[in-house]
PDB file of N, CA and C in Angstrom:
ATOM      1  N   MET A   1       0.837  -1.181   0.000  1.00  0.00           N
ATOM      2  CA  MET A   1       0.000   0.000   0.000  1.00  0.00           C
ATOM      3  C   MET A   1       0.881   1.242   0.000  1.00  0.00           C
ATOM      4  N   GLU A   2       0.586   2.160  -0.881  1.00  0.00           N
ATOM      5  CA  GLU A   2       1.370   3.380  -1.018  1.00  0.00           C
ATOM      6  C   GLU A   2       0.953   4.420   0.007  1.00  0.00           C
ATOM      7  N   LYS A   3       1.934   5.146   0.531  1.00  0.00           N
ATOM      8  CA  LYS A   3       1.640   6.231   1.459  1.00  0.00           C
ATOM      9  C   LYS A   3       1.017   7.388   0.684  1.00  0.00           C
ATOM     10  N   PRO A   4       0.026   8.059   1.276  1.00  0.00           N
ATOM     11  CA  PRO A   4      -0.506   9.239   0.597  1.00  0.00           C
ATOM     12  C   PRO A   4       0.558  10.329   0.565  1.00  0.00           C
ATOM     13  N   ALA A   5       0.570  11.079  -0.496  1.00  0.00           N
ATOM     14  CA  ALA A   5       1.540  12.158  -0.623  1.00  0.00           C
ATOM     15  C   ALA A   5       1.286  13.202   0.452  1.00  0.00           C
ATOM     16  N   GLN A   6       2.350  13.549   1.175  1.00  0.00           N
ATOM     17  CA  GLN A   6       2.218  14.567   2.211  1.00  0.00           C
ATOM     18  C   GLN A   6       2.196  15.938   1.537  1.00  0.00           C
ATOM     19  N   GLN A   7       1.148  16.669   1.832  1.00  0.00           N
ATOM     20  CA  GLN A   7       0.997  17.968   1.192  1.00  0.00           C
ATOM     21  C   GLN A   7       1.763  19.005   1.999  1.00  0.00           C
ATOM     22  N   SER A   8       2.656  19.692   1.349  1.00  0.00           N
ATOM     23  CA  SER A   8       3.405  20.743   2.025  1.00  0.00           C
ATOM     24  C   SER A   8       2.976  22.088   1.460  1.00  0.00           C
ATOM     25  N   THR A   9       3.077  23.072   2.299  1.00  0.00           N
ATOM     26  CA  THR A   9       2.730  24.404   1.828  1.00  0.00           C
ATOM     27  C   THR A   9       4.013  25.166   1.558  1.00  0.00           C
ATOM     28  N   ILE A  10       4.010  25.858   0.479  1.00  0.00           N
ATOM     29  CA  ILE A  10       5.174  26.668   0.124  1.00  0.00           C
ATOM     30  C   ILE A  10       5.062  27.989   0.871  1.00  0.00           C
ATOM     31  N   PRO A  11       6.114  28.361   1.620  1.00  0.00           N
ATOM     32  CA  PRO A  11       6.036  29.604   2.379  1.00  0.00           C
ATOM     33  C   PRO A  11       5.945  30.824   1.459  1.00  0.00           C
ATOM     34  N   ARG A  12       5.247  31.819   1.918  1.00  0.00           N
ATOM     35  CA  ARG A  12       5.190  33.097   1.200  1.00  0.00           C
ATOM     36  C   ARG A  12       6.260  33.977   1.820  1.00  0.00           C
ATOM     37  N   LEU A  13       7.323  34.221   1.076  1.00  0.00           N
ATOM     38  CA  LEU A  13       8.469  34.958   1.591  1.00  0.00           C
ATOM     39  C   LEU A  13       8.360  36.441   1.257  1.00  0.00           C
ATOM     40  N   VAL A  14       8.763  37.266   2.233  1.00  0.00           N
ATOM     41  CA  VAL A  14       8.802  38.719   2.025  1.00  0.00           C
ATOM     42  C   VAL A  14      10.182  39.221   2.438  1.00  0.00           C
ATOM     43  N   SER A  15      10.531  40.371   1.952  1.00  0.00           N
ATOM     44  CA  SER A  15      11.827  40.980   2.252  1.00  0.00           C
ATOM     45  C   SER A  15      11.851  41.500   3.688  1.00  0.00           C
ATOM     46  N   THR A  16      13.041  41.845   4.145  1.00  0.00           N
ATOM     47  CA  THR A  16      13.184  42.444   5.476  1.00  0.00           C
ATOM     48  C   THR A  16      12.367  43.727   5.560  1.00  0.00           C
ATOM     49  N   ARG A  17      12.398  44.517   4.520  1.00  0.00           N
ATOM     50  CA  ARG A  17      11.646  45.789   4.505  1.00  0.00           C
ATOM     51  C   ARG A  17      10.152  45.526   4.671  1.00  0.00           C
ATOM     52  N   ASP A  18       9.627  44.548   3.938  1.00  0.00           N
ATOM     53  CA  ASP A  18       8.204  44.231   4.040  1.00  0.00           C
ATOM     54  C   ASP A  18       7.867  43.611   5.398  1.00  0.00           C
ATOM     55  N   ALA A  19       8.746  42.766   5.912  1.00  0.00           N
ATOM     56  CA  ALA A  19       8.531  42.164   7.228  1.00  0.00           C
ATOM     57  C   ALA A  19       8.509  43.246   8.309  1.00  0.00           C
ATOM     58  N   ALA A  20       9.417  44.207   8.190  1.00  0.00           N
ATOM     59  CA  ALA A  20       9.466  45.307   9.155  1.00  0.00           C
ATOM     60  C   ALA A  20       8.166  46.106   9.116  1.00  0.00           C
ATOM     61  N   GLU A  21       7.647  46.325   7.935  1.00  0.00           N
ATOM     62  CA  GLU A  21       6.381  47.054   7.800  1.00  0.00           C
ATOM     63  C   GLU A  21       5.242  46.264   8.440  1.00  0.00           C
ATOM     64  N   ILE A  22       5.204  44.961   8.218  1.00  0.00           N
ATOM     65  CA  ILE A  22       4.163  44.114   8.816  1.00  0.00           C
ATOM     66  C   ILE A  22       4.218  44.190  10.339  1.00  0.00           C
ATOM     67  N   LEU A  23       5.428  44.202  10.893  1.00  0.00           N
ATOM     68  CA  LEU A  23       5.602  44.204  12.346  1.00  0.00           C
ATOM     69  C   LEU A  23       5.593  45.599  12.951  1.00  0.00           C
ATOM     70  N   GLY A  24       5.602  46.621  12.116  1.00  0.00           N
ATOM     71  CA  GLY A  24       5.624  47.982  12.637  1.00  0.00           C
ATOM     72  C   GLY A  24       6.965  48.355  13.243  1.00  0.00           C
ATOM     73  N   ARG A  25       8.014  47.806  12.705  1.00  0.00           N
ATOM     74  CA  ARG A  25       9.379  48.077  13.166  1.00  0.00           C
ATOM     75  C   ARG A  25      10.226  48.498  11.973  1.00  0.00           C
ATOM     76  N   SER A  26      11.461  48.909  12.247  1.00  0.00           N
ATOM     77  CA  SER A  26      12.350  49.296  11.153  1.00  0.00           C
ATOM     78  C   SER A  26      13.141  48.075  10.688  1.00  0.00           C
ATOM     79  N   PRO A  27      13.610  48.113   9.429  1.00  0.00           N
ATOM     80  CA  PRO A  27      14.479  47.033   8.963  1.00  0.00           C
ATOM     81  C   PRO A  27      15.723  46.872   9.848  1.00  0.00           C
ATOM     82  N   ALA A  28      16.212  47.982  10.393  1.00  0.00           N
ATOM     83  CA  ALA A  28      17.393  47.912  11.274  1.00  0.00           C
ATOM     84  C   ALA A  28      17.078  47.117  12.536  1.00  0.00           C
ATOM     85  N   THR A  29      15.865  47.245  13.051  1.00  0.00           N
ATOM     86  CA  THR A  29      15.474  46.476  14.232  1.00  0.00           C
ATOM     87  C   THR A  29      15.469  44.990  13.915  1.00  0.00           C
ATOM     88  N   LEU A  30      14.920  44.612  12.757  1.00  0.00           N
ATOM     89  CA  LEU A  30      14.923  43.196  12.386  1.00  0.00           C
ATOM     90  C   LEU A  30      16.341  42.675  12.221  1.00  0.00           C
ATOM     91  N   LYS A  31      17.236  43.495  11.671  1.00  0.00           N
ATOM     92  CA  LYS A  31      18.638  43.088  11.525  1.00  0.00           C
ATOM     93  C   LYS A  31      19.268  42.883  12.906  1.00  0.00           C
ATOM     94  N   ARG A  32      18.989  43.793  13.830  1.00  0.00           N
ATOM     95  CA  ARG A  32      19.522  43.666  15.189  1.00  0.00           C
ATOM     96  C   ARG A  32      18.970  42.406  15.856  1.00  0.00           C
ATOM     97  N   TRP A  33      17.667  42.145  15.676  1.00  0.00           N
ATOM     98  CA  TRP A  33      17.072  40.943  16.251  1.00  0.00           C
ATOM     99  C   TRP A  33      17.758  39.684  15.719  1.00  0.00           C
ATOM    100  N   ARG A  34      18.083  39.680  14.407  1.00  0.00           N
ATOM    101  CA  ARG A  34      18.777  38.508  13.838  1.00  0.00           C
ATOM    102  C   ARG A  34      20.130  38.321  14.503  1.00  0.00           C
ATOM    103  N   LEU A  35      20.859  39.414  14.697  1.00  0.00           N
ATOM    104  CA  LEU A  35      22.183  39.340  15.316  1.00  0.00           C
ATOM    105  C   LEU A  35      22.093  38.889  16.772  1.00  0.00           C
ATOM    106  N   GLU A  36      21.024  39.304  17.463  1.00  0.00           N
ATOM    107  CA  GLU A  36      20.832  38.948  18.870  1.00  0.00           C
ATOM    108  C   GLU A  36      20.216  37.565  19.047  1.00  0.00           C
ATOM    109  N   GLY A  37      19.691  37.005  17.956  1.00  0.00           N
ATOM    110  CA  GLY A  37      19.034  35.701  18.051  1.00  0.00           C
ATOM    111  C   GLY A  37      17.627  35.794  18.598  1.00  0.00           C
ATOM    112  N   THR A  38      17.010  36.967  18.462  1.00  0.00           N
ATOM    113  CA  THR A  38      15.630  37.159  18.902  1.00  0.00           C
ATOM    114  C   THR A  38      14.779  37.489  17.677  1.00  0.00           C
ATOM    115  N   GLY A  39      13.514  37.765  17.906  1.00  0.00           N
ATOM    116  CA  GLY A  39      12.645  38.134  16.790  1.00  0.00           C
ATOM    117  C   GLY A  39      12.126  36.914  16.056  1.00  0.00           C
ATOM    118  N   PRO A  40      11.436  37.148  14.955  1.00  0.00           N
ATOM    119  CA  PRO A  40      10.842  36.043  14.199  1.00  0.00           C
ATOM    120  C   PRO A  40      11.902  35.228  13.457  1.00  0.00           C
ATOM    121  N   ASN A  41      11.541  33.987  13.131  1.00  0.00           N
ATOM    122  CA  ASN A  41      12.429  33.148  12.317  1.00  0.00           C
ATOM    123  C   ASN A  41      12.649  33.819  10.968  1.00  0.00           C
ATOM    124  N   TRP A  42      13.807  33.588  10.399  1.00  0.00           N
ATOM    125  CA  TRP A  42      14.130  34.163   9.099  1.00  0.00           C
ATOM    126  C   TRP A  42      14.846  33.129   8.261  1.00  0.00           C
ATOM    127  N   ILE A  43      14.896  33.405   6.975  1.00  0.00           N
ATOM    128  CA  ILE A  43      15.483  32.482   6.003  1.00  0.00           C
ATOM    129  C   ILE A  43      16.553  33.237   5.229  1.00  0.00           C
ATOM    130  N   GLU A  44      17.688  32.581   5.016  1.00  0.00           N
ATOM    131  CA  GLU A  44      18.728  33.189   4.185  1.00  0.00           C
ATOM    132  C   GLU A  44      19.006  32.257   3.019  1.00  0.00           C
ATOM    133  N   LEU A  45      18.736  32.747   1.829  1.00  0.00           N
ATOM    134  CA  LEU A  45      18.998  32.004   0.603  1.00  0.00           C
ATOM    135  C   LEU A  45      19.959  32.815  -0.251  1.00  0.00           C
ATOM    136  N   GLU A  46      21.117  32.245  -0.501  1.00  0.00           N
ATOM    137  CA  GLU A  46      22.132  32.893  -1.324  1.00  0.00           C
ATOM    138  C   GLU A  46      22.402  34.331  -0.874  1.00  0.00           C
ATOM    139  N   GLY A  47      22.512  34.510   0.453  1.00  0.00           N
ATOM    140  CA  GLY A  47      22.867  35.807   1.002  1.00  0.00           C
ATOM    141  C   GLY A  47      21.712  36.783   1.166  1.00  0.00           C
ATOM    142  N   ARG A  48      20.512  36.397   0.738  1.00  0.00           N
ATOM    143  CA  ARG A  48      19.351  37.278   0.869  1.00  0.00           C
ATOM    144  C   ARG A  48      18.474  36.801   2.019  1.00  0.00           C
ATOM    145  N   VAL A  49      18.116  37.727   2.893  1.00  0.00           N
ATOM    146  CA  VAL A  49      17.284  37.405   4.038  1.00  0.00           C
ATOM    147  C   VAL A  49      15.820  37.618   3.670  1.00  0.00           C
ATOM    148  N   SER A  50      15.005  36.637   4.023  1.00  0.00           N
ATOM    149  CA  SER A  50      13.559  36.713   3.804  1.00  0.00           C
ATOM    150  C   SER A  50      12.850  36.213   5.042  1.00  0.00           C
ATOM    151  N   TYR A  51      11.583  36.536   5.124  1.00  0.00           N
ATOM    152  CA  TYR A  51      10.739  36.088   6.228  1.00  0.00           C
ATOM    153  C   TYR A  51       9.502  35.422   5.655  1.00  0.00           C
ATOM    154  N   ASP A  52       9.095  34.322   6.282  1.00  0.00           N
ATOM    155  CA  ASP A  52       7.858  33.639   5.915  1.00  0.00           C
ATOM    156  C   ASP A  52       6.711  34.388   6.609  1.00  0.00           C
ATOM    157  N   VAL A  53       5.700  34.767   5.855  1.00  0.00           N
ATOM    158  CA  VAL A  53       4.568  35.507   6.413  1.00  0.00           C
ATOM    159  C   VAL A  53       3.919  34.709   7.551  1.00  0.00           C
ATOM    160  N   GLY A  54       3.874  33.388   7.433  1.00  0.00           N
ATOM    161  CA  GLY A  54       3.320  32.555   8.507  1.00  0.00           C
ATOM    162  C   GLY A  54       4.121  32.681   9.793  1.00  0.00           C
ATOM    163  N   ASP A  55       5.448  32.758   9.677  1.00  0.00           N
ATOM    164  CA  ASP A  55       6.301  32.935  10.857  1.00  0.00           C
ATOM    165  C   ASP A  55       6.078  34.312  11.482  1.00  0.00           C
ATOM    166  N   LEU A  56       5.866  35.312  10.649  1.00  0.00           N
ATOM    167  CA  LEU A  56       5.585  36.653  11.181  1.00  0.00           C
ATOM    168  C   LEU A  56       4.274  36.645  11.957  1.00  0.00           C
ATOM    169  N   ARG A  57       3.263  35.969  11.401  1.00  0.00           N
ATOM    170  CA  ARG A  57       1.973  35.872  12.082  1.00  0.00           C
ATOM    171  C   ARG A  57       2.137  35.162  13.416  1.00  0.00           C
ATOM    172  N   ASP A  58       2.886  34.056  13.414  1.00  0.00           N
ATOM    173  CA  ASP A  58       3.128  33.313  14.655  1.00  0.00           C
ATOM    174  C   ASP A  58       3.851  34.177  15.688  1.00  0.00           C
ATOM    175  N   PHE A  59       4.803  34.979  15.236  1.00  0.00           N
ATOM    176  CA  PHE A  59       5.550  35.871  16.124  1.00  0.00           C
ATOM    177  C   PHE A  59       4.609  36.905  16.748  1.00  0.00           C
ATOM    178  N   ILE A  60       3.707  37.443  15.952  1.00  0.00           N
ATOM    179  CA  ILE A  60       2.740  38.416  16.464  1.00  0.00           C
ATOM    180  C   ILE A  60       1.836  37.755  17.498  1.00  0.00           C
ATOM    181  N   VAL A  61       1.330  36.573  17.184  1.00  0.00           N
ATOM    182  CA  VAL A  61       0.437  35.860  18.112  1.00  0.00           C
ATOM    183  C   VAL A  61       1.175  35.553  19.421  1.00  0.00           C
ATOM    184  N   LYS A  62       2.410  35.085  19.301  1.00  0.00           N
ATOM    185  CA  LYS A  62       3.206  34.726  20.481  1.00  0.00           C
ATOM    186  C   LYS A  62       3.441  35.934  21.381  1.00  0.00           C
ATOM    187  N   ASN A  63       3.525  37.102  20.804  1.00  0.00           N
ATOM    188  CA  ASN A  63       3.826  38.311  21.570  1.00  0.00           C
ATOM    189  C   ASN A  63       2.592  39.156  21.878  1.00  0.00           C
ATOM    190  N   THR A  64       1.419  38.639  21.588  1.00  0.00           N
ATOM    191  CA  THR A  64       0.187  39.353  21.909  1.00  0.00           C
ATOM    192  C   THR A  64      -0.109  39.179  23.388  1.00  0.00           C
ATOM    193  N   ARG A  65      -0.382  40.270  24.056  1.00  0.00           N
ATOM    194  CA  ARG A  65      -0.682  40.241  25.485  1.00  0.00           C
ATOM    195  C   ARG A  65      -2.156  40.543  25.694  1.00  0.00           C
ATOM    196  N   VAL A  66      -2.742  39.860  26.663  1.00  0.00           N
ATOM    197  CA  VAL A  66      -4.141  40.066  27.001  1.00  0.00           C
ATOM    198  C   VAL A  66      -4.192  40.929  28.250  1.00  0.00           C
ATOM    199  N   ALA A  67      -5.092  41.887  28.235  1.00  0.00           N
ATOM    200  CA  ALA A  67      -5.223  42.767  29.390  1.00  0.00           C
ATOM    201  C   ALA A  67      -5.575  41.954  30.630  1.00  0.00           C
ATOM    202  N   SER A  68      -5.077  42.395  31.762  1.00  0.00           N
ATOM    203  CA  SER A  68      -5.366  41.691  33.011  1.00  0.00           C
ATOM    204  C   SER A  68      -6.827  41.877  33.397  1.00  0.00           C
ATOM    205  N   VAL A  69      -7.307  41.061  34.291  1.00  0.00           N
ATOM    206  CA  VAL A  69      -8.694  41.153  34.767  1.00  0.00           C
ATOM    207  C   VAL A  69      -8.927  42.517  35.407  1.00  0.00           C
ATOM    208  N   ARG A  70      -7.973  42.979  36.166  1.00  0.00           N
ATOM    209  CA  ARG A  70      -8.117  44.286  36.827  1.00  0.00           C
ATOM    210  C   ARG A  70      -8.277  45.402  35.801  1.00  0.00           C
ATOM    211  N   ALA A  71      -7.448  45.384  34.769  1.00  0.00           N
ATOM    212  CA  ALA A  71      -7.536  46.417  33.732  1.00  0.00           C
ATOM    213  C   ALA A  71      -8.886  46.347  33.026  1.00  0.00           C
ATOM    214  N   ALA A  72      -9.371  45.142  32.772  1.00  0.00           N
ATOM    215  CA  ALA A  72     -10.665  44.978  32.121  1.00  0.00           C
ATOM    216  C   ALA A  72     -11.778  45.520  33.010  1.00  0.00           C
ATOM    217  N   MET A  73     -11.690  45.275  34.303  1.00  0.00           N
ATOM    218  CA  MET A  73     -12.703  45.771  35.238  1.00  0.00           C
ATOM    219  C   MET A  73     -12.682  47.294  35.292  1.00  0.00           C
ATOM    220  N   GLU A  74     -11.492  47.896  35.275  1.00  0.00           N
ATOM    221  CA  GLU A  74     -11.385  49.352  35.312  1.00  0.00           C
ATOM    222  C   GLU A  74     -11.971  49.972  34.046  1.00  0.00           C
ATOM    223  N   GLU A  75     -11.750  49.347  32.911  1.00  0.00           N
ATOM    224  CA  GLU A  75     -12.314  49.847  31.668  1.00  0.00           C
ATOM    225  C   GLU A  75     -13.843  49.777  31.723  1.00  0.00           C
ATOM    226  N   THR A  76     -14.379  48.703  32.301  1.00  0.00           N
ATOM    227  CA  THR A  76     -15.816  48.538  32.412  1.00  0.00           C
ATOM    228  C   THR A  76     -16.416  49.627  33.281  1.00  0.00           C
ATOM    229  N   ARG A  77     -15.754  49.961  34.392  1.00  0.00           N
ATOM    230  CA  ARG A  77     -16.242  51.008  35.289  1.00  0.00           C
ATOM    231  C   ARG A  77     -16.266  52.368  34.604  1.00  0.00           C
ATOM    232  N   GLU A  78     -15.261  52.639  33.779  1.00  0.00           N
ATOM    233  CA  GLU A  78     -15.178  53.931  33.105  1.00  0.00           C
ATOM    234  C   GLU A  78     -16.275  54.104  32.078  1.00  0.00           C
ATOM    235  N   THR A  79     -16.756  53.039  31.497  1.00  0.00           N
ATOM    236  CA  THR A  79     -17.777  53.147  30.455  1.00  0.00           C
ATOM    237  C   THR A  79     -19.180  53.257  31.019  1.00  0.00           C
ATOM    238  N   VAL A  80     -19.336  53.024  32.331  1.00  0.00           N
ATOM    239  CA  VAL A  80     -20.685  53.086  32.940  1.00  0.00           C
ATOM    240  C   VAL A  80     -21.067  54.500  33.248  1.00  0.00           C
TER     241      VAL A  80
END
């Protein structure tokens, strides 16, 4: 019995400039993050750095913070 073909998705790659725009940061910040080993995953092909849009989305989700219960309660009081 043959194994079903595993379907892979081809990443949608964007430049550092476009990735910086998506994240609301400067290209220099993304370069610094690469040097520091922080920030989103990146890809280097033949000396060119690119970012997978899916990795950028994951980075945004990972760094999204939810307001605390206290902050939510204070906002509710202000709207009454």
